[in-house]
Amino acid sequence: MPSVFITGANRGLGLEFARQYAEAGWEVVAACRRPAEAKALKPLAVDVVGLDVADLEAVALLAERLRGRTFDVLLNNAGVYGERQAFGAIDAADWMRVVQTNVIAPLKLAEAFLPHVMGGQRKIMAFVTSLMGSVEDNRSGGYYSYRSSKAALNIAVKSLSLDLAGRGVTTVLLHPGWVRTDMGGLNAPLSPEASVSGMRKVIESAKPGQPCVMVDYAGKTLPW
């Protein structure tokens, strides 16, 4: 049975990932900050574990607790949008929180769970990024903390792809599109079901040794 570890699994895209993978017969470990409040996860056939990805000590402890388990896919989905990002009113402390959650946490998760991924059959590390992290595509400005965090995630994962290539680990950078979630809002044109279904196909099609590029839910390569 294939297996996947998903962060930020209590709502939005993470919840939909957990639902679809569970329905497809995968073994799912769904991580979220407050498992007792994750009511939507409870009906699913998943193993719910508590984890605040920004707590790096907790990341290391959970990796140790799950030592011996293997995951075909490590899915770094958890992320935050940030507050007060307009020029002239930027909240520096919140910017640091966004970077900690969106950049540092996924890479520390990759470090901590590398043995678990190495023990899996597919050896894939997937990261949910955003087209808002694209330098070339930025034509409207603003959103400093979120844009910069996703741009930083992209270059960090690019380096990770090179560092782990010799170990047979494949990295995937996924742009989900503009999705109707708490972050995307009600006016977004794309449903979580469609976005996640598409991203799962991209993950499924990943091949060892492929170059690390940013792709959207439809498999289209996006500009850095």
N, C-alpha and C. Protein backbone atom coordinates (compact mmCIF):
# COMPACT_ATOMS: atom_id res chain seq x y z
N MET A 1 0.85 -1.20 0.00
CA MET A 1 0.00 0.00 0.00
C MET A 1 0.88 1.25 0.00
N PRO A 2 0.71 2.16 -0.97
CA PRO A 2 1.50 3.39 -0.96
C PRO A 2 1.13 4.27 0.22
N SER A 3 2.03 5.14 0.62
CA SER A 3 1.83 5.95 1.82
C SER A 3 2.22 7.39 1.58
N VAL A 4 1.56 8.31 2.30
CA VAL A 4 1.81 9.73 2.16
C VAL A 4 1.73 10.40 3.53
N PHE A 5 2.62 11.33 3.77
CA PHE A 5 2.60 12.18 4.97
C PHE A 5 2.24 13.59 4.51
N ILE A 6 1.15 14.15 5.07
CA ILE A 6 0.63 15.45 4.63
C ILE A 6 0.64 16.43 5.79
N THR A 7 1.22 17.62 5.60
CA THR A 7 1.14 18.66 6.62
C THR A 7 -0.01 19.61 6.32
N GLY A 8 -0.49 20.29 7.37
CA GLY A 8 -1.61 21.21 7.20
C GLY A 8 -2.85 20.52 6.69
N ALA A 9 -3.15 19.34 7.26
CA ALA A 9 -4.18 18.48 6.68
C ALA A 9 -5.57 18.68 7.26
N ASN A 10 -5.76 19.67 8.10
CA ASN A 10 -7.06 19.81 8.76
C ASN A 10 -8.07 20.65 7.99
N ARG A 11 -7.62 21.31 6.93
CA ARG A 11 -8.56 22.15 6.16
C ARG A 11 -8.00 22.39 4.77
N GLY A 12 -8.81 23.00 3.92
CA GLY A 12 -8.37 23.44 2.61
C GLY A 12 -7.76 22.34 1.76
N LEU A 13 -6.67 22.66 1.11
CA LEU A 13 -6.02 21.71 0.21
C LEU A 13 -5.50 20.49 0.96
N GLY A 14 -4.97 20.69 2.16
CA GLY A 14 -4.46 19.56 2.92
C GLY A 14 -5.53 18.55 3.25
N LEU A 15 -6.70 19.04 3.63
CA LEU A 15 -7.82 18.15 3.92
C LEU A 15 -8.25 17.40 2.67
N GLU A 16 -8.29 18.10 1.55
CA GLU A 16 -8.70 17.46 0.30
C GLU A 16 -7.66 16.44 -0.15
N PHE A 17 -6.38 16.74 0.04
CA PHE A 17 -5.34 15.75 -0.24
C PHE A 17 -5.57 14.50 0.60
N ALA A 18 -5.82 14.68 1.89
CA ALA A 18 -6.03 13.54 2.78
C ALA A 18 -7.24 12.72 2.34
N ARG A 19 -8.32 13.41 1.98
CA ARG A 19 -9.53 12.72 1.55
C ARG A 19 -9.29 11.91 0.27
N GLN A 20 -8.68 12.53 -0.72
CA GLN A 20 -8.48 11.84 -2.00
C GLN A 20 -7.49 10.69 -1.88
N TYR A 21 -6.41 10.89 -1.16
CA TYR A 21 -5.46 9.80 -1.00
C TYR A 21 -6.07 8.64 -0.22
N ALA A 22 -6.84 8.94 0.81
CA ALA A 22 -7.48 7.88 1.59
C ALA A 22 -8.48 7.11 0.73
N GLU A 23 -9.26 7.83 -0.07
CA GLU A 23 -10.24 7.17 -0.94
C GLU A 23 -9.56 6.33 -2.01
N ALA A 24 -8.32 6.70 -2.37
CA ALA A 24 -7.58 5.94 -3.38
C ALA A 24 -6.85 4.74 -2.77
N GLY A 25 -7.02 4.54 -1.46
CA GLY A 25 -6.44 3.37 -0.82
C GLY A 25 -5.03 3.55 -0.29
N TRP A 26 -4.59 4.79 -0.19
CA TRP A 26 -3.27 5.05 0.35
C TRP A 26 -3.30 5.03 1.88
N GLU A 27 -2.17 4.72 2.47
CA GLU A 27 -1.99 4.91 3.91
C GLU A 27 -1.64 6.38 4.11
N VAL A 28 -2.44 7.09 4.89
CA VAL A 28 -2.30 8.54 5.03
C VAL A 28 -2.00 8.91 6.48
N VAL A 29 -0.91 9.64 6.67
CA VAL A 29 -0.63 10.29 7.95
C VAL A 29 -0.91 11.77 7.76
N ALA A 30 -1.91 12.26 8.46
CA ALA A 30 -2.38 13.64 8.30
C ALA A 30 -1.95 14.45 9.52
N ALA A 31 -1.07 15.42 9.31
CA ALA A 31 -0.55 16.23 10.40
C ALA A 31 -1.26 17.58 10.45
N CYS A 32 -1.61 18.01 11.66
CA CYS A 32 -2.22 19.32 11.85
C CYS A 32 -1.90 19.80 13.26
N ARG A 33 -2.09 21.07 13.51
CA ARG A 33 -1.70 21.64 14.80
C ARG A 33 -2.56 21.16 15.95
N ARG A 34 -3.86 21.05 15.73
CA ARG A 34 -4.77 20.69 16.82
C ARG A 34 -5.66 19.52 16.39
N PRO A 35 -5.16 18.30 16.53
CA PRO A 35 -5.92 17.12 16.08
C PRO A 35 -7.30 17.01 16.71
N ALA A 36 -7.45 17.44 17.97
CA ALA A 36 -8.74 17.31 18.64
C ALA A 36 -9.81 18.17 17.99
N GLU A 37 -9.39 19.23 17.29
CA GLU A 37 -10.34 20.13 16.65
C GLU A 37 -10.51 19.83 15.16
N ALA A 38 -9.77 18.84 14.66
CA ALA A 38 -9.81 18.53 13.22
C ALA A 38 -10.99 17.60 12.92
N LYS A 39 -12.18 18.12 13.06
CA LYS A 39 -13.38 17.29 12.94
C LYS A 39 -13.55 16.71 11.54
N ALA A 40 -13.14 17.45 10.53
CA ALA A 40 -13.31 16.96 9.16
C ALA A 40 -12.41 15.76 8.86
N LEU A 41 -11.33 15.62 9.60
CA LEU A 41 -10.43 14.49 9.37
C LEU A 41 -10.94 13.20 10.01
N LYS A 42 -11.73 13.33 11.05
CA LYS A 42 -12.12 12.17 11.84
C LYS A 42 -12.88 11.10 11.05
N PRO A 43 -13.77 11.47 10.09
CA PRO A 43 -14.46 10.41 9.33
C PRO A 43 -13.57 9.71 8.31
N LEU A 44 -12.39 10.26 8.05
CA LEU A 44 -11.52 9.70 7.02
C LEU A 44 -10.65 8.59 7.58
N ALA A 45 -10.27 7.68 6.71
CA ALA A 45 -9.40 6.57 7.12
C ALA A 45 -7.95 7.03 7.08
N VAL A 46 -7.61 7.93 8.03
CA VAL A 46 -6.26 8.48 8.09
C VAL A 46 -5.75 8.42 9.52
N ASP A 47 -4.44 8.48 9.66
CA ASP A 47 -3.79 8.53 10.96
C ASP A 47 -3.48 10.00 11.24
N VAL A 48 -4.18 10.59 12.20
CA VAL A 48 -4.02 12.02 12.49
C VAL A 48 -2.96 12.20 13.58
N VAL A 49 -1.98 13.07 13.31
CA VAL A 49 -0.94 13.36 14.29
C VAL A 49 -0.85 14.87 14.49
N GLY A 50 -0.45 15.27 15.67
CA GLY A 50 -0.32 16.68 15.98
C GLY A 50 1.04 17.22 15.58
N LEU A 51 1.04 18.37 14.89
CA LEU A 51 2.31 18.99 14.51
C LEU A 51 2.09 20.44 14.11
N ASP A 52 2.84 21.33 14.77
CA ASP A 52 2.97 22.71 14.32
C ASP A 52 4.28 22.76 13.55
N VAL A 53 4.22 22.89 12.23
CA VAL A 53 5.43 22.78 11.41
C VAL A 53 6.46 23.85 11.74
N ALA A 54 6.01 24.98 12.29
CA ALA A 54 6.94 26.05 12.65
C ALA A 54 7.72 25.74 13.91
N ASP A 55 7.31 24.74 14.65
CA ASP A 55 8.00 24.30 15.86
C ASP A 55 9.01 23.23 15.44
N LEU A 56 10.24 23.63 15.22
CA LEU A 56 11.23 22.72 14.65
C LEU A 56 11.59 21.60 15.60
N GLU A 57 11.50 21.84 16.90
CA GLU A 57 11.74 20.76 17.85
C GLU A 57 10.64 19.70 17.73
N ALA A 58 9.40 20.17 17.54
CA ALA A 58 8.29 19.23 17.38
C ALA A 58 8.44 18.42 16.10
N VAL A 59 8.98 19.03 15.05
CA VAL A 59 9.22 18.31 13.80
C VAL A 59 10.19 17.16 14.04
N ALA A 60 11.29 17.46 14.73
CA ALA A 60 12.29 16.43 15.00
C ALA A 60 11.73 15.32 15.89
N LEU A 61 10.94 15.69 16.87
CA LEU A 61 10.37 14.70 17.78
C LEU A 61 9.38 13.79 17.06
N LEU A 62 8.57 14.35 16.16
CA LEU A 62 7.61 13.53 15.43
C LEU A 62 8.33 12.58 14.48
N ALA A 63 9.38 13.07 13.84
CA ALA A 63 10.15 12.20 12.95
C ALA A 63 10.73 11.02 13.74
N GLU A 64 11.18 11.29 14.94
CA GLU A 64 11.72 10.22 15.77
C GLU A 64 10.62 9.26 16.19
N ARG A 65 9.44 9.81 16.54
CA ARG A 65 8.33 8.96 16.96
C ARG A 65 7.86 8.05 15.83
N LEU A 66 7.97 8.54 14.60
CA LEU A 66 7.54 7.76 13.44
C LEU A 66 8.69 6.98 12.79
N ARG A 67 9.81 6.92 13.49
CA ARG A 67 10.95 6.19 12.94
C ARG A 67 10.56 4.74 12.65
N GLY A 68 10.95 4.27 11.51
CA GLY A 68 10.59 2.91 11.08
C GLY A 68 9.44 2.89 10.10
N ARG A 69 8.62 3.97 10.07
CA ARG A 69 7.56 4.07 9.08
C ARG A 69 8.13 4.68 7.80
N THR A 70 7.58 4.30 6.68
CA THR A 70 8.07 4.81 5.41
C THR A 70 6.95 5.53 4.68
N PHE A 71 7.34 6.52 3.87
CA PHE A 71 6.38 7.30 3.10
C PHE A 71 6.84 7.39 1.65
N ASP A 72 5.97 7.04 0.74
CA ASP A 72 6.27 7.21 -0.68
C ASP A 72 6.30 8.68 -1.05
N VAL A 73 5.44 9.47 -0.40
CA VAL A 73 5.36 10.91 -0.69
C VAL A 73 5.36 11.69 0.62
N LEU A 74 6.27 12.65 0.73
CA LEU A 74 6.23 13.65 1.79
C LEU A 74 5.63 14.90 1.17
N LEU A 75 4.45 15.28 1.62
CA LEU A 75 3.69 16.38 1.00
C LEU A 75 3.67 17.59 1.93
N ASN A 76 4.55 18.54 1.65
CA ASN A 76 4.63 19.77 2.44
C ASN A 76 3.59 20.76 1.95
N ASN A 77 2.44 20.70 2.58
CA ASN A 77 1.30 21.54 2.17
C ASN A 77 1.09 22.73 3.10
N ALA A 78 1.43 22.61 4.37
CA ALA A 78 1.14 23.66 5.35
C ALA A 78 1.79 24.98 4.96
N GLY A 79 1.04 26.06 5.14
CA GLY A 79 1.57 27.37 4.83
C GLY A 79 0.65 28.46 5.37
N VAL A 80 1.19 29.67 5.48
CA VAL A 80 0.39 30.81 5.94
C VAL A 80 0.53 31.95 4.94
N TYR A 81 -0.44 32.83 4.95
CA TYR A 81 -0.48 33.93 3.97
C TYR A 81 0.23 35.18 4.48
N GLY A 82 0.03 35.48 5.75
CA GLY A 82 0.65 36.68 6.32
C GLY A 82 -0.31 37.84 6.42
N GLU A 83 0.06 38.83 7.24
CA GLU A 83 -0.77 39.99 7.47
C GLU A 83 0.05 41.26 7.25
N ARG A 84 -0.62 42.38 7.02
CA ARG A 84 0.01 43.70 6.90
C ARG A 84 1.20 43.65 5.96
N GLN A 85 0.92 43.39 4.69
CA GLN A 85 1.97 43.23 3.69
C GLN A 85 2.09 44.42 2.74
N ALA A 86 1.34 45.47 2.97
CA ALA A 86 1.39 46.64 2.10
C ALA A 86 2.62 47.49 2.42
N PHE A 87 3.26 48.01 1.37
CA PHE A 87 4.43 48.85 1.56
C PHE A 87 4.07 50.05 2.43
N GLY A 88 4.90 50.30 3.44
CA GLY A 88 4.63 51.39 4.38
C GLY A 88 3.98 50.92 5.66
N ALA A 89 3.46 49.70 5.64
CA ALA A 89 2.79 49.17 6.85
C ALA A 89 3.17 47.71 7.08
N ILE A 90 4.37 47.33 6.64
CA ILE A 90 4.78 45.93 6.74
C ILE A 90 5.06 45.55 8.18
N ASP A 91 4.52 44.42 8.59
CA ASP A 91 4.74 43.88 9.93
C ASP A 91 5.94 42.94 9.86
N ALA A 92 7.09 43.39 10.33
CA ALA A 92 8.32 42.61 10.21
C ALA A 92 8.26 41.30 10.98
N ALA A 93 7.66 41.31 12.15
CA ALA A 93 7.56 40.09 12.96
C ALA A 93 6.69 39.05 12.26
N ASP A 94 5.60 39.52 11.65
CA ASP A 94 4.74 38.59 10.92
C ASP A 94 5.44 38.05 9.68
N TRP A 95 6.23 38.88 9.04
CA TRP A 95 7.02 38.45 7.88
C TRP A 95 7.93 37.30 8.27
N MET A 96 8.58 37.41 9.42
CA MET A 96 9.45 36.34 9.92
C MET A 96 8.65 35.07 10.18
N ARG A 97 7.43 35.23 10.69
CA ARG A 97 6.56 34.07 10.94
C ARG A 97 6.22 33.36 9.64
N VAL A 98 5.96 34.14 8.60
CA VAL A 98 5.63 33.56 7.30
C VAL A 98 6.82 32.79 6.74
N VAL A 99 8.00 33.38 6.83
CA VAL A 99 9.20 32.71 6.34
C VAL A 99 9.47 31.43 7.13
N GLN A 100 9.29 31.49 8.44
CA GLN A 100 9.51 30.31 9.28
C GLN A 100 8.59 29.17 8.85
N THR A 101 7.34 29.50 8.57
CA THR A 101 6.34 28.47 8.24
C THR A 101 6.45 28.00 6.80
N ASN A 102 6.65 28.94 5.88
CA ASN A 102 6.58 28.61 4.45
C ASN A 102 7.90 28.16 3.84
N VAL A 103 9.03 28.50 4.49
CA VAL A 103 10.33 28.18 3.91
C VAL A 103 11.15 27.25 4.81
N ILE A 104 11.42 27.71 6.02
CA ILE A 104 12.29 26.94 6.90
C ILE A 104 11.65 25.62 7.30
N ALA A 105 10.37 25.66 7.67
CA ALA A 105 9.69 24.43 8.12
C ALA A 105 9.69 23.32 7.07
N PRO A 106 9.33 23.61 5.81
CA PRO A 106 9.35 22.52 4.82
C PRO A 106 10.73 21.90 4.63
N LEU A 107 11.77 22.73 4.67
CA LEU A 107 13.12 22.18 4.49
C LEU A 107 13.56 21.37 5.70
N LYS A 108 13.18 21.81 6.90
CA LYS A 108 13.51 21.02 8.10
C LYS A 108 12.71 19.71 8.12
N LEU A 109 11.49 19.75 7.60
CA LEU A 109 10.72 18.52 7.47
C LEU A 109 11.40 17.58 6.49
N ALA A 110 11.93 18.13 5.40
CA ALA A 110 12.64 17.30 4.43
C ALA A 110 13.86 16.65 5.08
N GLU A 111 14.57 17.40 5.90
CA GLU A 111 15.73 16.84 6.61
C GLU A 111 15.30 15.74 7.57
N ALA A 112 14.28 16.06 8.38
CA ALA A 112 13.87 15.13 9.45
C ALA A 112 13.27 13.85 8.90
N PHE A 113 12.53 13.96 7.79
CA PHE A 113 11.82 12.79 7.26
C PHE A 113 12.51 12.15 6.05
N LEU A 114 13.73 12.56 5.78
CA LEU A 114 14.46 11.94 4.68
C LEU A 114 14.58 10.42 4.84
N PRO A 115 14.90 9.91 6.03
CA PRO A 115 14.97 8.44 6.17
C PRO A 115 13.64 7.75 5.86
N HIS A 116 12.54 8.38 6.23
CA HIS A 116 11.23 7.80 5.99
C HIS A 116 10.93 7.74 4.49
N VAL A 117 11.32 8.82 3.77
CA VAL A 117 11.12 8.87 2.33
C VAL A 117 12.06 7.89 1.62
N MET A 118 13.29 7.82 2.10
CA MET A 118 14.25 6.90 1.49
C MET A 118 13.79 5.45 1.61
N GLY A 119 13.02 5.16 2.65
CA GLY A 119 12.51 3.81 2.82
C GLY A 119 11.30 3.50 1.98
N GLY A 120 10.69 4.52 1.37
CA GLY A 120 9.51 4.31 0.53
C GLY A 120 9.89 3.85 -0.87
N GLN A 121 8.90 3.45 -1.63
CA GLN A 121 9.14 2.98 -2.99
C GLN A 121 9.32 4.15 -3.97
N ARG A 122 8.55 5.22 -3.79
CA ARG A 122 8.54 6.29 -4.81
C ARG A 122 9.52 7.42 -4.51
N LYS A 123 9.80 7.66 -3.25
CA LYS A 123 10.82 8.64 -2.84
C LYS A 123 10.55 10.03 -3.43
N ILE A 124 9.36 10.55 -3.16
CA ILE A 124 8.97 11.86 -3.67
C ILE A 124 8.76 12.84 -2.51
N MET A 125 9.33 14.03 -2.66
CA MET A 125 9.05 15.14 -1.75
C MET A 125 8.34 16.22 -2.56
N ALA A 126 7.10 16.51 -2.20
CA ALA A 126 6.31 17.50 -2.92
C ALA A 126 6.08 18.72 -2.02
N PHE A 127 6.11 19.90 -2.62
CA PHE A 127 5.97 21.15 -1.89
C PHE A 127 4.93 22.02 -2.59
N VAL A 128 3.95 22.49 -1.82
CA VAL A 128 2.94 23.39 -2.38
C VAL A 128 3.49 24.81 -2.35
N THR A 129 3.69 25.39 -3.50
CA THR A 129 4.21 26.74 -3.62
C THR A 129 3.11 27.64 -4.17
N SER A 130 3.47 28.69 -4.90
CA SER A 130 2.47 29.58 -5.49
C SER A 130 3.10 30.36 -6.64
N LEU A 131 2.32 30.62 -7.65
CA LEU A 131 2.78 31.47 -8.74
C LEU A 131 3.10 32.88 -8.24
N MET A 132 2.58 33.24 -7.07
CA MET A 132 2.90 34.54 -6.49
C MET A 132 4.37 34.63 -6.09
N GLY A 133 5.07 33.49 -6.05
CA GLY A 133 6.49 33.50 -5.79
C GLY A 133 7.33 33.66 -7.05
N SER A 134 6.69 33.77 -8.19
CA SER A 134 7.41 33.93 -9.45
C SER A 134 7.86 35.38 -9.62
N VAL A 135 9.16 35.58 -9.88
CA VAL A 135 9.68 36.92 -10.14
C VAL A 135 9.18 37.42 -11.49
N GLU A 136 9.24 36.56 -12.49
CA GLU A 136 8.83 36.96 -13.84
C GLU A 136 7.35 37.31 -13.91
N ASP A 137 6.52 36.60 -13.14
CA ASP A 137 5.08 36.78 -13.24
C ASP A 137 4.56 37.95 -12.38
N ASN A 138 5.41 38.51 -11.54
CA ASN A 138 4.96 39.57 -10.63
C ASN A 138 4.78 40.88 -11.38
N ARG A 139 3.52 41.20 -11.67
CA ARG A 139 3.21 42.43 -12.40
C ARG A 139 2.35 43.39 -11.59
N SER A 140 2.03 43.02 -10.35
CA SER A 140 1.14 43.86 -9.56
C SER A 140 1.75 44.33 -8.25
N GLY A 141 2.91 43.77 -7.87
CA GLY A 141 3.56 44.21 -6.64
C GLY A 141 2.83 43.78 -5.38
N GLY A 142 3.26 44.33 -4.24
CA GLY A 142 2.62 44.04 -2.96
C GLY A 142 2.84 42.62 -2.47
N TYR A 143 2.13 42.27 -1.40
CA TYR A 143 2.15 40.93 -0.83
C TYR A 143 3.58 40.47 -0.54
N TYR A 144 4.34 41.36 0.12
CA TYR A 144 5.77 41.15 0.27
C TYR A 144 6.13 39.87 1.00
N SER A 145 5.49 39.60 2.11
CA SER A 145 5.89 38.43 2.90
C SER A 145 5.52 37.13 2.20
N TYR A 146 4.33 37.08 1.64
CA TYR A 146 3.91 35.84 0.99
C TYR A 146 4.72 35.58 -0.29
N ARG A 147 4.84 36.61 -1.13
CA ARG A 147 5.60 36.45 -2.38
C ARG A 147 7.04 36.02 -2.08
N SER A 148 7.68 36.71 -1.17
CA SER A 148 9.09 36.42 -0.90
C SER A 148 9.27 35.04 -0.29
N SER A 149 8.31 34.60 0.53
CA SER A 149 8.43 33.28 1.14
C SER A 149 8.32 32.17 0.10
N LYS A 150 7.43 32.34 -0.87
CA LYS A 150 7.28 31.31 -1.89
C LYS A 150 8.45 31.33 -2.88
N ALA A 151 8.98 32.52 -3.17
CA ALA A 151 10.18 32.58 -4.01
C ALA A 151 11.34 31.89 -3.31
N ALA A 152 11.47 32.13 -2.00
CA ALA A 152 12.53 31.48 -1.23
C ALA A 152 12.33 29.97 -1.18
N LEU A 153 11.08 29.53 -1.02
CA LEU A 153 10.81 28.09 -1.03
C LEU A 153 11.23 27.48 -2.36
N ASN A 154 10.93 28.17 -3.45
CA ASN A 154 11.27 27.64 -4.77
C ASN A 154 12.77 27.41 -4.92
N ILE A 155 13.58 28.40 -4.54
CA ILE A 155 15.02 28.25 -4.71
C ILE A 155 15.59 27.25 -3.73
N ALA A 156 15.00 27.16 -2.53
CA ALA A 156 15.45 26.17 -1.56
C ALA A 156 15.18 24.76 -2.06
N VAL A 157 14.01 24.54 -2.63
CA VAL A 157 13.67 23.21 -3.14
C VAL A 157 14.50 22.89 -4.38
N LYS A 158 14.82 23.89 -5.17
CA LYS A 158 15.72 23.67 -6.31
C LYS A 158 17.06 23.13 -5.82
N SER A 159 17.61 23.74 -4.79
CA SER A 159 18.86 23.25 -4.21
C SER A 159 18.68 21.85 -3.63
N LEU A 160 17.56 21.64 -2.97
CA LEU A 160 17.28 20.32 -2.39
C LEU A 160 17.24 19.25 -3.47
N SER A 161 16.66 19.59 -4.62
CA SER A 161 16.56 18.61 -5.70
C SER A 161 17.94 18.17 -6.17
N LEU A 162 18.89 19.09 -6.18
CA LEU A 162 20.25 18.77 -6.60
C LEU A 162 20.98 17.97 -5.52
N ASP A 163 20.78 18.34 -4.26
CA ASP A 163 21.45 17.67 -3.17
C ASP A 163 20.99 16.23 -2.98
N LEU A 164 19.71 15.97 -3.30
CA LEU A 164 19.15 14.64 -3.06
C LEU A 164 19.05 13.78 -4.32
N ALA A 165 19.43 14.33 -5.45
CA ALA A 165 19.30 13.58 -6.70
C ALA A 165 20.08 12.27 -6.66
N GLY A 166 21.25 12.31 -6.05
CA GLY A 166 22.07 11.11 -5.97
C GLY A 166 21.50 10.03 -5.08
N ARG A 167 20.51 10.38 -4.28
CA ARG A 167 19.86 9.41 -3.39
C ARG A 167 18.55 8.89 -3.98
N GLY A 168 18.25 9.33 -5.18
CA GLY A 168 17.05 8.85 -5.84
C GLY A 168 15.77 9.54 -5.41
N VAL A 169 15.88 10.68 -4.70
CA VAL A 169 14.70 11.41 -4.25
C VAL A 169 14.28 12.42 -5.32
N THR A 170 13.00 12.45 -5.63
CA THR A 170 12.44 13.37 -6.62
C THR A 170 11.69 14.48 -5.91
N THR A 171 11.96 15.73 -6.29
CA THR A 171 11.25 16.86 -5.70
C THR A 171 10.26 17.43 -6.69
N VAL A 172 9.13 17.90 -6.18
CA VAL A 172 8.07 18.47 -7.02
C VAL A 172 7.58 19.76 -6.38
N LEU A 173 7.54 20.83 -7.16
CA LEU A 173 7.00 22.13 -6.71
C LEU A 173 5.65 22.35 -7.37
N LEU A 174 4.60 22.49 -6.57
CA LEU A 174 3.23 22.51 -7.07
C LEU A 174 2.54 23.84 -6.83
N HIS A 175 2.04 24.45 -7.88
CA HIS A 175 1.16 25.62 -7.76
C HIS A 175 -0.27 25.12 -7.88
N PRO A 176 -1.10 25.28 -6.85
CA PRO A 176 -2.45 24.71 -6.88
C PRO A 176 -3.45 25.48 -7.71
N GLY A 177 -3.07 26.68 -8.17
CA GLY A 177 -4.05 27.55 -8.82
C GLY A 177 -4.75 28.41 -7.78
N TRP A 178 -5.67 29.21 -8.25
CA TRP A 178 -6.47 30.05 -7.34
C TRP A 178 -7.69 29.22 -6.92
N VAL A 179 -7.67 28.78 -5.65
CA VAL A 179 -8.62 27.77 -5.20
C VAL A 179 -9.55 28.34 -4.14
N ARG A 180 -10.80 27.87 -4.13
CA ARG A 180 -11.78 28.29 -3.14
C ARG A 180 -11.49 27.63 -1.79
N THR A 181 -10.59 28.25 -1.03
CA THR A 181 -10.27 27.81 0.32
C THR A 181 -10.34 29.04 1.22
N ASP A 182 -10.03 28.86 2.52
CA ASP A 182 -10.00 30.01 3.42
C ASP A 182 -8.99 31.04 2.93
N MET A 183 -7.87 30.58 2.37
CA MET A 183 -6.86 31.49 1.87
C MET A 183 -7.26 32.09 0.53
N GLY A 184 -7.80 31.28 -0.37
CA GLY A 184 -8.13 31.73 -1.72
C GLY A 184 -9.39 32.57 -1.81
N GLY A 185 -10.33 32.33 -0.88
CA GLY A 185 -11.58 33.09 -0.87
C GLY A 185 -12.66 32.46 -1.74
N LEU A 186 -13.86 32.97 -1.59
CA LEU A 186 -15.02 32.39 -2.28
C LEU A 186 -15.06 32.72 -3.76
N ASN A 187 -14.35 33.76 -4.20
CA ASN A 187 -14.39 34.15 -5.60
C ASN A 187 -13.41 33.38 -6.48
N ALA A 188 -12.61 32.53 -5.88
CA ALA A 188 -11.64 31.76 -6.65
C ALA A 188 -12.36 30.83 -7.62
N PRO A 189 -11.84 30.67 -8.82
CA PRO A 189 -12.54 29.89 -9.85
C PRO A 189 -12.39 28.37 -9.73
N LEU A 190 -11.44 27.92 -8.91
CA LEU A 190 -11.09 26.50 -8.90
C LEU A 190 -11.53 25.84 -7.59
N SER A 191 -12.11 24.66 -7.70
CA SER A 191 -12.52 23.92 -6.50
C SER A 191 -11.32 23.17 -5.92
N PRO A 192 -11.32 22.92 -4.60
CA PRO A 192 -10.26 22.12 -4.00
C PRO A 192 -10.17 20.74 -4.64
N GLU A 193 -11.32 20.16 -4.98
CA GLU A 193 -11.33 18.82 -5.56
C GLU A 193 -10.56 18.78 -6.88
N ALA A 194 -10.81 19.77 -7.74
CA ALA A 194 -10.14 19.81 -9.04
C ALA A 194 -8.66 20.09 -8.90
N SER A 195 -8.33 21.03 -8.02
CA SER A 195 -6.92 21.38 -7.82
C SER A 195 -6.12 20.20 -7.30
N VAL A 196 -6.62 19.56 -6.28
CA VAL A 196 -5.90 18.44 -5.66
C VAL A 196 -5.83 17.25 -6.60
N SER A 197 -6.92 16.98 -7.32
CA SER A 197 -6.90 15.89 -8.29
C SER A 197 -5.80 16.11 -9.32
N GLY A 198 -5.67 17.35 -9.78
CA GLY A 198 -4.63 17.67 -10.75
C GLY A 198 -3.23 17.54 -10.16
N MET A 199 -3.04 18.04 -8.94
CA MET A 199 -1.73 17.96 -8.30
C MET A 199 -1.34 16.52 -8.02
N ARG A 200 -2.31 15.69 -7.67
CA ARG A 200 -2.00 14.28 -7.45
C ARG A 200 -1.52 13.62 -8.74
N LYS A 201 -2.08 14.01 -9.86
CA LYS A 201 -1.62 13.47 -11.14
C LYS A 201 -0.19 13.89 -11.44
N VAL A 202 0.13 15.15 -11.09
CA VAL A 202 1.50 15.62 -11.29
C VAL A 202 2.47 14.82 -10.42
N ILE A 203 2.09 14.60 -9.17
CA ILE A 203 2.93 13.81 -8.26
C ILE A 203 3.09 12.40 -8.78
N GLU A 204 1.99 11.82 -9.23
CA GLU A 204 2.00 10.44 -9.72
C GLU A 204 2.90 10.29 -10.94
N SER A 205 2.99 11.34 -11.74
CA SER A 205 3.77 11.26 -12.98
C SER A 205 5.24 11.61 -12.77
N ALA A 206 5.62 12.00 -11.55
CA ALA A 206 6.99 12.40 -11.28
C ALA A 206 7.95 11.23 -11.50
N LYS A 207 9.07 11.52 -12.12
CA LYS A 207 10.06 10.49 -12.44
C LYS A 207 11.41 10.82 -11.81
N PRO A 208 12.13 9.82 -11.36
CA PRO A 208 13.46 10.06 -10.80
C PRO A 208 14.36 10.77 -11.81
N GLY A 209 15.10 11.75 -11.32
CA GLY A 209 16.03 12.46 -12.19
C GLY A 209 15.43 13.59 -12.99
N GLN A 210 14.12 13.81 -12.88
CA GLN A 210 13.52 14.90 -13.63
C GLN A 210 13.98 16.24 -13.06
N PRO A 211 14.07 17.29 -13.88
CA PRO A 211 14.50 18.59 -13.37
C PRO A 211 13.44 19.18 -12.44
N CYS A 212 13.89 19.97 -11.47
CA CYS A 212 12.97 20.62 -10.55
C CYS A 212 12.45 21.90 -11.18
N VAL A 213 11.17 21.92 -11.49
CA VAL A 213 10.52 23.10 -12.05
C VAL A 213 9.23 23.35 -11.27
N MET A 214 8.70 24.55 -11.38
CA MET A 214 7.42 24.85 -10.76
C MET A 214 6.31 24.54 -11.77
N VAL A 215 5.36 23.70 -11.36
CA VAL A 215 4.27 23.32 -12.26
C VAL A 215 2.93 23.57 -11.58
N ASP A 216 1.92 23.84 -12.37
CA ASP A 216 0.60 24.04 -11.79
C ASP A 216 -0.17 22.71 -11.74
N TYR A 217 -1.40 22.79 -11.25
CA TYR A 217 -2.21 21.61 -11.04
C TYR A 217 -2.52 20.87 -12.35
N ALA A 218 -2.38 21.56 -13.47
CA ALA A 218 -2.62 20.93 -14.77
C ALA A 218 -1.33 20.40 -15.41
N GLY A 219 -0.21 20.53 -14.69
CA GLY A 219 1.06 20.03 -15.19
C GLY A 219 1.81 21.01 -16.06
N LYS A 220 1.35 22.26 -16.13
CA LYS A 220 2.01 23.29 -16.94
C LYS A 220 3.20 23.86 -16.20
N THR A 221 4.36 23.94 -16.87
CA THR A 221 5.54 24.54 -16.27
C THR A 221 5.37 26.04 -16.19
N LEU A 222 5.69 26.60 -15.02
CA LEU A 222 5.49 28.02 -14.76
C LEU A 222 6.84 28.75 -14.68
N PRO A 223 6.84 30.05 -14.95
CA PRO A 223 8.11 30.81 -14.91
C PRO A 223 8.59 31.06 -13.49
N TRP A 224 9.88 31.00 -13.31
CA TRP A 224 10.47 31.33 -12.00
C TRP A 224 10.34 32.83 -11.73
